[in-house]
Amino acid sequence: MPVLKDYINVNEAAQILKVHPGTVKRLCREHRLSAHKVHNGWLINISEVQLFAQQYNGRRGRPTKKAI
């Protein structure tokens, strides 16, 4: 598949971002991570994942309070 050599699936993107594959799917659905829906899966450009990984903060919930 030379046409798709620059694209990865959800599981590979999850390994790069160190998150659960469900999180990658959510990021794709919310258009926070640029991806293409193909049938029942997502194809994500590897360069998009690498760029996203530089700015992604996977922490959830309320930010911790810093001592004054």
PDB file of N, CA and C in Angstrom:
ATOM      1  N   MET A   1       0.808  -1.191   0.000  1.00  0.00           N
ATOM      2  CA  MET A   1       0.000   0.000   0.000  1.00  0.00           C
ATOM      3  C   MET A   1       0.855   1.261   0.000  1.00  0.00           C
ATOM      4  N   PRO A   2       1.477   1.607  -1.073  1.00  0.00           N
ATOM      5  CA  PRO A   2       2.327   2.787  -1.094  1.00  0.00           C
ATOM      6  C   PRO A   2       1.565   4.096  -0.911  1.00  0.00           C
ATOM      7  N   VAL A   3       0.281   4.130  -1.254  1.00  0.00           N
ATOM      8  CA  VAL A   3      -0.500   5.348  -1.113  1.00  0.00           C
ATOM      9  C   VAL A   3      -0.717   5.684   0.368  1.00  0.00           C
ATOM     10  N   LEU A   4      -0.824   4.678   1.212  1.00  0.00           N
ATOM     11  CA  LEU A   4      -1.120   4.877   2.623  1.00  0.00           C
ATOM     12  C   LEU A   4       0.111   4.778   3.523  1.00  0.00           C
ATOM     13  N   LYS A   5       1.297   4.902   2.964  1.00  0.00           N
ATOM     14  CA  LYS A   5       2.495   4.697   3.777  1.00  0.00           C
ATOM     15  C   LYS A   5       2.693   5.774   4.834  1.00  0.00           C
ATOM     16  N   ASP A   6       2.110   6.952   4.675  1.00  0.00           N
ATOM     17  CA  ASP A   6       2.263   8.028   5.653  1.00  0.00           C
ATOM     18  C   ASP A   6       1.149   8.048   6.683  1.00  0.00           C
ATOM     19  N   TYR A   7       0.262   7.060   6.658  1.00  0.00           N
ATOM     20  CA  TYR A   7      -0.878   7.026   7.561  1.00  0.00           C
ATOM     21  C   TYR A   7      -0.774   5.868   8.530  1.00  0.00           C
ATOM     22  N   ILE A   8      -1.283   6.089   9.734  1.00  0.00           N
ATOM     23  CA  ILE A   8      -1.295   5.051  10.759  1.00  0.00           C
ATOM     24  C   ILE A   8      -2.727   4.895  11.272  1.00  0.00           C
ATOM     25  N   ASN A   9      -2.974   3.806  11.992  1.00  0.00           N
ATOM     26  CA  ASN A   9      -4.299   3.579  12.555  1.00  0.00           C
ATOM     27  C   ASN A   9      -4.360   4.073  13.995  1.00  0.00           C
ATOM     28  N   VAL A  10      -5.488   3.885  14.623  1.00  0.00           N
ATOM     29  CA  VAL A  10      -5.725   4.385  15.981  1.00  0.00           C
ATOM     30  C   VAL A  10      -4.776   3.745  16.986  1.00  0.00           C
ATOM     31  N   ASN A  11      -4.543   2.454  16.874  1.00  0.00           N
ATOM     32  CA  ASN A  11      -3.673   1.770  17.838  1.00  0.00           C
ATOM     33  C   ASN A  11      -2.236   2.278  17.765  1.00  0.00           C
ATOM     34  N   GLU A  12      -1.741   2.502  16.571  1.00  0.00           N
ATOM     35  CA  GLU A  12      -0.373   3.011  16.425  1.00  0.00           C
ATOM     36  C   GLU A  12      -0.268   4.444  16.950  1.00  0.00           C
ATOM     37  N   ALA A  13      -1.291   5.258  16.692  1.00  0.00           N
ATOM     38  CA  ALA A  13      -1.298   6.633  17.202  1.00  0.00           C
ATOM     39  C   ALA A  13      -1.353   6.640  18.726  1.00  0.00           C
ATOM     40  N   ALA A  14      -2.106   5.710  19.309  1.00  0.00           N
ATOM     41  CA  ALA A  14      -2.209   5.610  20.762  1.00  0.00           C
ATOM     42  C   ALA A  14      -0.859   5.274  21.386  1.00  0.00           C
ATOM     43  N   GLN A  15      -0.085   4.427  20.736  1.00  0.00           N
ATOM     44  CA  GLN A  15       1.246   4.091  21.253  1.00  0.00           C
ATOM     45  C   GLN A  15       2.165   5.302  21.217  1.00  0.00           C
ATOM     46  N   ILE A  16       2.082   6.096  20.157  1.00  0.00           N
ATOM     47  CA  ILE A  16       2.924   7.280  20.037  1.00  0.00           C
ATOM     48  C   ILE A  16       2.554   8.318  21.095  1.00  0.00           C
ATOM     49  N   LEU A  17       1.238   8.524  21.295  1.00  0.00           N
ATOM     50  CA  LEU A  17       0.764   9.522  22.245  1.00  0.00           C
ATOM     51  C   LEU A  17       0.736   9.014  23.682  1.00  0.00           C
ATOM     52  N   LYS A  18       0.931   7.696  23.864  1.00  0.00           N
ATOM     53  CA  LYS A  18       0.896   7.055  25.185  1.00  0.00           C
ATOM     54  C   LYS A  18      -0.460   7.249  25.865  1.00  0.00           C
ATOM     55  N   VAL A  19      -1.520   7.005  25.095  1.00  0.00           N
ATOM     56  CA  VAL A  19      -2.890   7.079  25.605  1.00  0.00           C
ATOM     57  C   VAL A  19      -3.658   5.844  25.137  1.00  0.00           C
ATOM     58  N   HIS A  20      -4.862   5.694  25.618  1.00  0.00           N
ATOM     59  CA  HIS A  20      -5.732   4.586  25.237  1.00  0.00           C
ATOM     60  C   HIS A  20      -6.249   4.816  23.815  1.00  0.00           C
ATOM     61  N   PRO A  21      -6.437   3.768  23.030  1.00  0.00           N
ATOM     62  CA  PRO A  21      -6.985   3.938  21.680  1.00  0.00           C
ATOM     63  C   PRO A  21      -8.335   4.653  21.655  1.00  0.00           C
ATOM     64  N   GLY A  22      -9.139   4.468  22.691  1.00  0.00           N
ATOM     65  CA  GLY A  22     -10.412   5.173  22.782  1.00  0.00           C
ATOM     66  C   GLY A  22     -10.227   6.680  22.864  1.00  0.00           C
ATOM     67  N   THR A  23      -9.147   7.097  23.501  1.00  0.00           N
ATOM     68  CA  THR A  23      -8.841   8.522  23.592  1.00  0.00           C
ATOM     69  C   THR A  23      -8.504   9.077  22.215  1.00  0.00           C
ATOM     70  N   VAL A  24      -7.766   8.327  21.431  1.00  0.00           N
ATOM     71  CA  VAL A  24      -7.425   8.763  20.069  1.00  0.00           C
ATOM     72  C   VAL A  24      -8.690   8.878  19.225  1.00  0.00           C
ATOM     73  N   LYS A  25      -9.600   7.913  19.367  1.00  0.00           N
ATOM     74  CA  LYS A  25     -10.857   7.969  18.627  1.00  0.00           C
ATOM     75  C   LYS A  25     -11.650   9.208  19.015  1.00  0.00           C
ATOM     76  N   ARG A  26     -11.687   9.525  20.301  1.00  0.00           N
ATOM     77  CA  ARG A  26     -12.400  10.711  20.772  1.00  0.00           C
ATOM     78  C   ARG A  26     -11.778  11.979  20.215  1.00  0.00           C
ATOM     79  N   LEU A  27     -10.462  12.054  20.218  1.00  0.00           N
ATOM     80  CA  LEU A  27      -9.774  13.218  19.673  1.00  0.00           C
ATOM     81  C   LEU A  27     -10.073  13.391  18.187  1.00  0.00           C
ATOM     82  N   CYS A  28     -10.183  12.292  17.476  1.00  0.00           N
ATOM     83  CA  CYS A  28     -10.532  12.347  16.046  1.00  0.00           C
ATOM     84  C   CYS A  28     -11.973  12.803  15.853  1.00  0.00           C
ATOM     85  N   ARG A  29     -12.889  12.254  16.643  1.00  0.00           N
ATOM     86  CA  ARG A  29     -14.303  12.639  16.536  1.00  0.00           C
ATOM     87  C   ARG A  29     -14.503  14.119  16.843  1.00  0.00           C
ATOM     88  N   GLU A  30     -13.751  14.640  17.820  1.00  0.00           N
ATOM     89  CA  GLU A  30     -13.873  16.042  18.227  1.00  0.00           C
ATOM     90  C   GLU A  30     -13.083  16.979  17.322  1.00  0.00           C
ATOM     91  N   HIS A  31     -12.445  16.429  16.299  1.00  0.00           N
ATOM     92  CA  HIS A  31     -11.637  17.197  15.338  1.00  0.00           C
ATOM     93  C   HIS A  31     -10.455  17.905  16.005  1.00  0.00           C
ATOM     94  N   ARG A  32     -10.004  17.383  17.126  1.00  0.00           N
ATOM     95  CA  ARG A  32      -8.805  17.927  17.766  1.00  0.00           C
ATOM     96  C   ARG A  32      -7.555  17.322  17.147  1.00  0.00           C
ATOM     97  N   LEU A  33      -7.702  16.136  16.574  1.00  0.00           N
ATOM     98  CA  LEU A  33      -6.627  15.457  15.862  1.00  0.00           C
ATOM     99  C   LEU A  33      -7.119  15.217  14.446  1.00  0.00           C
ATOM    100  N   SER A  34      -6.411  15.756  13.492  1.00  0.00           N
ATOM    101  CA  SER A  34      -6.821  15.654  12.095  1.00  0.00           C
ATOM    102  C   SER A  34      -6.707  14.203  11.625  1.00  0.00           C
ATOM    103  N   ALA A  35      -7.838  13.655  11.146  1.00  0.00           N
ATOM    104  CA  ALA A  35      -7.870  12.259  10.715  1.00  0.00           C
ATOM    105  C   ALA A  35      -8.942  12.088   9.647  1.00  0.00           C
ATOM    106  N   HIS A  36      -8.899  10.943   8.990  1.00  0.00           N
ATOM    107  CA  HIS A  36      -9.872  10.614   7.950  1.00  0.00           C
ATOM    108  C   HIS A  36     -10.608   9.356   8.361  1.00  0.00           C
ATOM    109  N   LYS A  37     -11.929   9.433   8.361  1.00  0.00           N
ATOM    110  CA  LYS A  37     -12.760   8.268   8.692  1.00  0.00           C
ATOM    111  C   LYS A  37     -12.872   7.391   7.448  1.00  0.00           C
ATOM    112  N   VAL A  38     -12.456   6.151   7.563  1.00  0.00           N
ATOM    113  CA  VAL A  38     -12.525   5.196   6.464  1.00  0.00           C
ATOM    114  C   VAL A  38     -13.261   3.966   6.971  1.00  0.00           C
ATOM    115  N   HIS A  39     -14.451   3.747   6.434  1.00  0.00           N
ATOM    116  CA  HIS A  39     -15.335   2.667   6.856  1.00  0.00           C
ATOM    117  C   HIS A  39     -15.575   2.760   8.358  1.00  0.00           C
ATOM    118  N   ASN A  40     -15.028   1.848   9.126  1.00  0.00           N
ATOM    119  CA  ASN A  40     -15.276   1.839  10.561  1.00  0.00           C
ATOM    120  C   ASN A  40     -14.039   2.219  11.372  1.00  0.00           C
ATOM    121  N   GLY A  41     -13.052   2.840  10.729  1.00  0.00           N
ATOM    122  CA  GLY A  41     -11.824   3.183  11.431  1.00  0.00           C
ATOM    123  C   GLY A  41     -11.318   4.550  11.032  1.00  0.00           C
ATOM    124  N   TRP A  42     -10.241   4.943  11.646  1.00  0.00           N
ATOM    125  CA  TRP A  42      -9.630   6.239  11.378  1.00  0.00           C
ATOM    126  C   TRP A  42      -8.235   6.037  10.814  1.00  0.00           C
ATOM    127  N   LEU A  43      -7.864   6.851   9.837  1.00  0.00           N
ATOM    128  CA  LEU A  43      -6.501   6.907   9.326  1.00  0.00           C
ATOM    129  C   LEU A  43      -5.950   8.284   9.665  1.00  0.00           C
ATOM    130  N   ILE A  44      -4.777   8.289  10.274  1.00  0.00           N
ATOM    131  CA  ILE A  44      -4.189   9.523  10.775  1.00  0.00           C
ATOM    132  C   ILE A  44      -2.799   9.671  10.166  1.00  0.00           C
ATOM    133  N   ASN A  45      -2.522  10.849   9.658  1.00  0.00           N
ATOM    134  CA  ASN A  45      -1.211  11.127   9.081  1.00  0.00           C
ATOM    135  C   ASN A  45      -0.171  11.128  10.196  1.00  0.00           C
ATOM    136  N   ILE A  46       0.922  10.433   9.983  1.00  0.00           N
ATOM    137  CA  ILE A  46       1.957  10.301  11.011  1.00  0.00           C
ATOM    138  C   ILE A  46       2.537  11.653  11.418  1.00  0.00           C
ATOM    139  N   SER A  47       2.690  12.568  10.480  1.00  0.00           N
ATOM    140  CA  SER A  47       3.229  13.885  10.824  1.00  0.00           C
ATOM    141  C   SER A  47       2.247  14.676  11.684  1.00  0.00           C
ATOM    142  N   GLU A  48       0.938  14.470  11.473  1.00  0.00           N
ATOM    143  CA  GLU A  48      -0.077  15.125  12.305  1.00  0.00           C
ATOM    144  C   GLU A  48       0.007  14.616  13.746  1.00  0.00           C
ATOM    145  N   VAL A  49       0.219  13.318  13.900  1.00  0.00           N
ATOM    146  CA  VAL A  49       0.325  12.734  15.241  1.00  0.00           C
ATOM    147  C   VAL A  49       1.568  13.267  15.943  1.00  0.00           C
ATOM    148  N   GLN A  50       2.686  13.344  15.241  1.00  0.00           N
ATOM    149  CA  GLN A  50       3.918  13.840  15.848  1.00  0.00           C
ATOM    150  C   GLN A  50       3.783  15.304  16.254  1.00  0.00           C
ATOM    151  N   LEU A  51       3.139  16.106  15.424  1.00  0.00           N
ATOM    152  CA  LEU A  51       2.901  17.513  15.749  1.00  0.00           C
ATOM    153  C   LEU A  51       1.952  17.631  16.940  1.00  0.00           C
ATOM    154  N   PHE A  52       0.904  16.832  16.955  1.00  0.00           N
ATOM    155  CA  PHE A  52      -0.061  16.847  18.049  1.00  0.00           C
ATOM    156  C   PHE A  52       0.596  16.403  19.356  1.00  0.00           C
ATOM    157  N   ALA A  53       1.491  15.433  19.291  1.00  0.00           N
ATOM    158  CA  ALA A  53       2.152  14.913  20.490  1.00  0.00           C
ATOM    159  C   ALA A  53       2.994  15.980  21.175  1.00  0.00           C
ATOM    160  N   GLN A  54       3.523  16.926  20.415  1.00  0.00           N
ATOM    161  CA  GLN A  54       4.340  17.983  21.004  1.00  0.00           C
ATOM    162  C   GLN A  54       3.525  18.931  21.864  1.00  0.00           C
ATOM    163  N   GLN A  55       2.236  19.107  21.539  1.00  0.00           N
ATOM    164  CA  GLN A  55       1.425  20.077  22.262  1.00  0.00           C
ATOM    165  C   GLN A  55       0.339  19.440  23.135  1.00  0.00           C
ATOM    166  N   TYR A  56       0.173  18.130  23.078  1.00  0.00           N
ATOM    167  CA  TYR A  56      -0.908  17.477  23.807  1.00  0.00           C
ATOM    168  C   TYR A  56      -0.565  17.291  25.266  1.00  0.00           C
ATOM    169  N   ASN A  57      -1.503  17.692  26.131  1.00  0.00           N
ATOM    170  CA  ASN A  57      -1.378  17.451  27.558  1.00  0.00           C
ATOM    171  C   ASN A  57      -2.497  16.493  27.936  1.00  0.00           C
ATOM    172  N   GLY A  58      -2.166  15.268  28.228  1.00  0.00           N
ATOM    173  CA  GLY A  58      -3.155  14.235  28.468  1.00  0.00           C
ATOM    174  C   GLY A  58      -3.798  14.261  29.836  1.00  0.00           C
ATOM    175  N   ARG A  59      -3.464  15.232  30.662  1.00  0.00           N
ATOM    176  CA  ARG A  59      -4.047  15.292  32.003  1.00  0.00           C
ATOM    177  C   ARG A  59      -5.514  15.670  31.924  1.00  0.00           C
ATOM    178  N   ARG A  60      -6.307  15.038  32.751  1.00  0.00           N
ATOM    179  CA  ARG A  60      -7.736  15.322  32.791  1.00  0.00           C
ATOM    180  C   ARG A  60      -8.098  15.832  34.176  1.00  0.00           C
ATOM    181  N   GLY A  61      -9.266  16.436  34.264  1.00  0.00           N
ATOM    182  CA  GLY A  61      -9.776  16.869  35.565  1.00  0.00           C
ATOM    183  C   GLY A  61      -9.376  18.286  35.904  1.00  0.00           C
ATOM    184  N   ARG A  62      -9.653  18.644  37.118  1.00  0.00           N
ATOM    185  CA  ARG A  62      -9.371  19.993  37.583  1.00  0.00           C
ATOM    186  C   ARG A  62      -7.880  20.206  37.769  1.00  0.00           C
ATOM    187  N   PRO A  63      -7.355  21.360  37.362  1.00  0.00           N
ATOM    188  CA  PRO A  63      -5.934  21.627  37.562  1.00  0.00           C
ATOM    189  C   PRO A  63      -5.618  21.693  39.054  1.00  0.00           C
ATOM    190  N   THR A  64      -4.434  21.252  39.403  1.00  0.00           N
ATOM    191  CA  THR A  64      -4.024  21.303  40.806  1.00  0.00           C
ATOM    192  C   THR A  64      -3.743  22.730  41.222  1.00  0.00           C
ATOM    193  N   LYS A  65      -4.019  23.033  42.476  1.00  0.00           N
ATOM    194  CA  LYS A  65      -3.751  24.370  42.989  1.00  0.00           C
ATOM    195  C   LYS A  65      -2.292  24.444  43.425  1.00  0.00           C
ATOM    196  N   LYS A  66      -1.668  25.520  43.047  1.00  0.00           N
ATOM    197  CA  LYS A  66      -0.275  25.728  43.429  1.00  0.00           C
ATOM    198  C   LYS A  66      -0.237  26.519  44.726  1.00  0.00           C
ATOM    199  N   ALA A  67       0.697  26.191  45.594  1.00  0.00           N
ATOM    200  CA  ALA A  67       0.844  26.917  46.861  1.00  0.00           C
ATOM    201  C   ALA A  67       1.358  28.321  46.600  1.00  0.00           C
ATOM    202  N   ILE A  68       0.756  29.242  47.272  1.00  0.00           N
ATOM    203  CA  ILE A  68       1.153  30.650  47.092  1.00  0.00           C
ATOM    204  C   ILE A  68       2.250  31.013  48.044  1.00  0.00           C
TER     205      ILE A  68
END
